[in-house]
Amino acid sequence: MKRFKLFTEEDNPRIPRKKGQPANSKKHSDLYTDENPKGTIHGLGFKDVETARKSVKKIENSGKKHAHKIQAAIAMEQRAREMGKTEEAAVYRQYINKMKKKTKEMNKESLWDNIRKKKERIKRGSGERMRKKGEKGAPTADQIQRAQEDYMEYHPKNNAKYRKLTPNQ
């Protein structure tokens, strides 16, 4: 049978943030420190599964930015896990995984989006130039082929909203 040493406050004391120390310093953080009280989503908990579900709804409807919602959910998941509440932590983990998919979709920009943005920057006088075929950093034929396939998958031709993004052929 394994024996675990019980850690007391003296063994692992909380290190509070010192005056002038950056808010995200690794030398003071813990799960229960509120670095930015203005941004806090109040009323979150993990007493039971139902409370955790209600808390996830509060996070979803908080009006905070995407990253803030994920950070709140991660903190609550870690707190629940630390207290041995695995079912409650699983509710938060499920929400976090759902948000990961949303993050991937938000970050997904096509090659055509990047080309269009670069052309706009050049037009505004950025001093950049479009690379020629075969130059270092220019898209390869394979990348262009994949971008065209992705474009057709995500931007159907009949969708007027995306017609202006069609690649020049």
Protein backbone atom coordinates (compact mmCIF):
# COMPACT_ATOMS: atom_id res chain seq x y z
CA MET A 1 0.00 0.00 0.00
CA LYS A 2 1.38 3.40 -0.98
CA ARG A 3 1.56 6.12 1.61
CA PHE A 4 1.36 9.75 0.71
CA LYS A 5 2.86 12.54 2.72
CA LEU A 6 0.34 15.18 3.65
CA PHE A 7 1.65 18.58 2.71
CA THR A 8 0.95 21.41 5.05
CA GLU A 9 1.02 25.13 4.41
CA GLU A 10 4.54 25.26 5.90
CA ASP A 11 5.84 22.69 3.37
CA ASN A 12 4.56 24.59 0.34
CA PRO A 13 3.76 28.17 1.30
CA ARG A 14 1.84 30.41 -1.09
CA ILE A 15 4.08 33.13 -2.47
CA PRO A 16 2.08 36.33 -2.89
CA ARG A 17 2.85 38.75 -5.67
CA LYS A 18 5.29 41.45 -4.65
CA LYS A 19 4.73 45.09 -5.44
CA GLY A 20 5.96 45.82 -8.97
CA GLN A 21 6.06 42.14 -9.94
CA PRO A 22 4.36 41.42 -13.29
CA ALA A 23 0.86 39.96 -13.05
CA ASN A 24 1.71 36.76 -14.91
CA SER A 25 4.97 36.07 -13.13
CA LYS A 26 5.60 32.37 -12.52
CA LYS A 27 7.03 33.15 -9.10
CA HIS A 28 3.72 33.77 -7.34
CA SER A 29 0.75 32.27 -9.15
CA ASP A 30 -1.65 29.73 -7.75
CA LEU A 31 -5.14 28.47 -8.55
CA TYR A 32 -6.91 30.77 -6.14
CA THR A 33 -5.25 34.12 -6.82
CA ASP A 34 -7.43 36.65 -8.60
CA GLU A 35 -4.96 38.70 -10.65
CA ASN A 36 -7.61 40.81 -12.35
CA PRO A 37 -10.79 41.20 -10.27
CA LYS A 38 -12.44 43.33 -13.00
CA GLY A 39 -12.42 40.39 -15.39
CA THR A 40 -13.69 37.83 -12.88
CA ILE A 41 -16.77 35.81 -13.80
CA HIS A 42 -18.57 35.60 -10.46
CA GLY A 43 -20.65 32.67 -9.24
CA LEU A 44 -18.66 29.77 -10.65
CA GLY A 45 -18.41 26.56 -8.66
CA PHE A 46 -17.96 22.81 -8.64
CA LYS A 47 -19.93 21.68 -5.57
CA ASP A 48 -21.70 19.09 -7.69
CA VAL A 49 -22.16 18.25 -11.38
CA GLU A 50 -25.24 20.47 -11.67
CA THR A 51 -23.35 23.47 -10.24
CA ALA A 52 -20.50 22.82 -12.68
CA ARG A 53 -22.97 22.76 -15.60
CA LYS A 54 -24.55 26.03 -14.45
CA SER A 55 -21.07 27.52 -14.16
CA VAL A 56 -20.24 26.49 -17.73
CA LYS A 57 -23.44 28.27 -18.86
CA LYS A 58 -22.34 31.37 -16.93
CA ILE A 59 -18.96 31.24 -18.66
CA GLU A 60 -20.60 30.85 -22.08
CA ASN A 61 -22.98 33.77 -21.50
CA SER A 62 -20.46 36.03 -19.74
CA GLY A 63 -19.76 38.21 -22.77
CA LYS A 64 -16.02 37.80 -22.23
CA LYS A 65 -13.57 37.11 -25.03
CA HIS A 66 -12.96 33.57 -26.25
CA ALA A 67 -9.56 33.24 -24.51
CA HIS A 68 -10.95 34.58 -21.22
CA LYS A 69 -13.72 31.96 -21.24
CA ILE A 70 -11.19 29.18 -21.81
CA GLN A 71 -8.95 30.46 -19.00
CA ALA A 72 -11.89 30.55 -16.59
CA ALA A 73 -12.90 27.01 -17.51
CA ILE A 74 -9.34 25.72 -17.15
CA ALA A 75 -8.97 27.30 -13.71
CA MET A 76 -12.25 25.78 -12.56
CA GLU A 77 -11.32 22.38 -13.97
CA GLN A 78 -7.98 22.46 -12.16
CA ARG A 79 -9.62 23.55 -8.91
CA ALA A 80 -12.19 20.76 -9.13
CA ARG A 81 -9.52 18.18 -9.95
CA GLU A 82 -7.38 19.39 -7.06
CA MET A 83 -10.32 18.85 -4.70
CA GLY A 84 -10.85 15.31 -6.06
CA LYS A 85 -14.07 16.16 -7.89
CA THR A 86 -13.40 14.30 -11.13
CA GLU A 87 -16.97 14.31 -12.45
CA GLU A 88 -17.25 18.06 -11.97
CA ALA A 89 -13.83 18.55 -13.57
CA ALA A 90 -15.02 16.45 -16.52
CA VAL A 91 -17.87 18.93 -17.12
CA TYR A 92 -15.34 21.73 -17.47
CA ARG A 93 -13.02 19.55 -19.60
CA GLN A 94 -15.89 18.82 -21.99
CA TYR A 95 -16.49 22.58 -22.41
CA ILE A 96 -12.75 23.22 -22.89
CA ASN A 97 -12.57 20.59 -25.64
CA LYS A 98 -15.59 22.16 -27.36
CA MET A 99 -13.85 25.55 -27.22
CA LYS A 100 -10.66 24.03 -28.68
CA LYS A 101 -12.59 23.13 -31.82
CA LYS A 102 -13.93 26.68 -32.01
CA THR A 103 -10.39 28.04 -31.57
CA LYS A 104 -9.14 25.95 -34.50
CA GLU A 105 -11.94 27.25 -36.72
CA MET A 106 -11.24 30.84 -35.65
CA ASN A 107 -7.54 30.49 -36.44
CA LYS A 108 -8.08 28.79 -39.76
CA GLU A 109 -7.17 31.24 -42.48
CA SER A 110 -6.74 30.09 -45.99
CA LEU A 111 -3.87 30.84 -48.31
CA TRP A 112 -6.25 33.10 -50.27
CA ASP A 113 -7.00 35.14 -47.15
CA ASN A 114 -3.27 35.64 -46.59
CA ILE A 115 -2.69 36.62 -50.24
CA ARG A 116 -5.59 39.08 -50.15
CA LYS A 117 -4.30 40.65 -46.92
CA LYS A 118 -0.78 40.99 -48.34
CA LYS A 119 -2.11 42.66 -51.50
CA GLU A 120 -4.01 45.13 -49.31
CA ARG A 121 -0.85 45.89 -47.29
CA ILE A 122 1.12 46.44 -50.52
CA LYS A 123 -1.59 48.74 -51.80
CA ARG A 124 -1.32 50.79 -48.59
CA GLY A 125 2.44 51.12 -49.15
CA SER A 126 4.00 48.51 -46.87
CA GLY A 127 7.02 48.09 -49.16
CA GLU A 128 6.43 44.35 -49.49
CA ARG A 129 6.14 42.57 -52.81
CA MET A 130 4.45 39.42 -54.00
CA ARG A 131 6.89 36.54 -54.40
CA LYS A 132 7.40 34.94 -57.80
CA LYS A 133 6.79 31.25 -58.46
CA GLY A 134 9.65 29.14 -57.14
CA GLU A 135 11.06 31.87 -54.88
CA LYS A 136 11.80 31.04 -51.26
CA GLY A 137 8.66 31.67 -49.20
CA ALA A 138 6.29 31.56 -52.16
CA PRO A 139 3.51 28.97 -51.98
CA THR A 140 4.36 25.71 -53.70
CA ALA A 141 2.09 24.12 -56.31
CA ASP A 142 1.06 21.54 -53.70
CA GLN A 143 0.07 24.27 -51.20
CA ILE A 144 -1.96 26.05 -53.86
CA GLN A 145 -3.70 22.79 -54.81
CA ARG A 146 -4.61 22.09 -51.16
CA ALA A 147 -5.80 25.68 -50.70
CA GLN A 148 -8.07 25.35 -53.74
CA GLU A 149 -9.55 22.12 -52.36
CA ASP A 150 -10.06 23.69 -48.91
CA TYR A 151 -11.55 26.77 -50.54
CA MET A 152 -14.16 24.70 -52.34
CA GLU A 153 -14.96 22.83 -49.13
CA TYR A 154 -15.38 25.88 -46.90
CA HIS A 155 -16.47 28.52 -49.41
CA PRO A 156 -19.00 27.01 -51.82
CA LYS A 157 -19.31 28.84 -55.14
CA ASN A 158 -22.99 29.55 -54.56
CA ASN A 159 -22.25 31.48 -51.37
CA ALA A 160 -22.22 35.12 -52.48
CA LYS A 161 -20.47 36.21 -49.30
CA TYR A 162 -17.29 34.37 -50.38
CA ARG A 163 -17.35 34.99 -54.14
CA LYS A 164 -15.04 37.99 -53.85
CA LEU A 165 -12.39 35.73 -52.27
CA THR A 166 -12.06 33.43 -55.27
CA PRO A 167 -8.50 32.97 -56.45
CA ASN A 168 -7.55 34.60 -59.75
CA GLN A 169 -7.32 31.91 -62.38
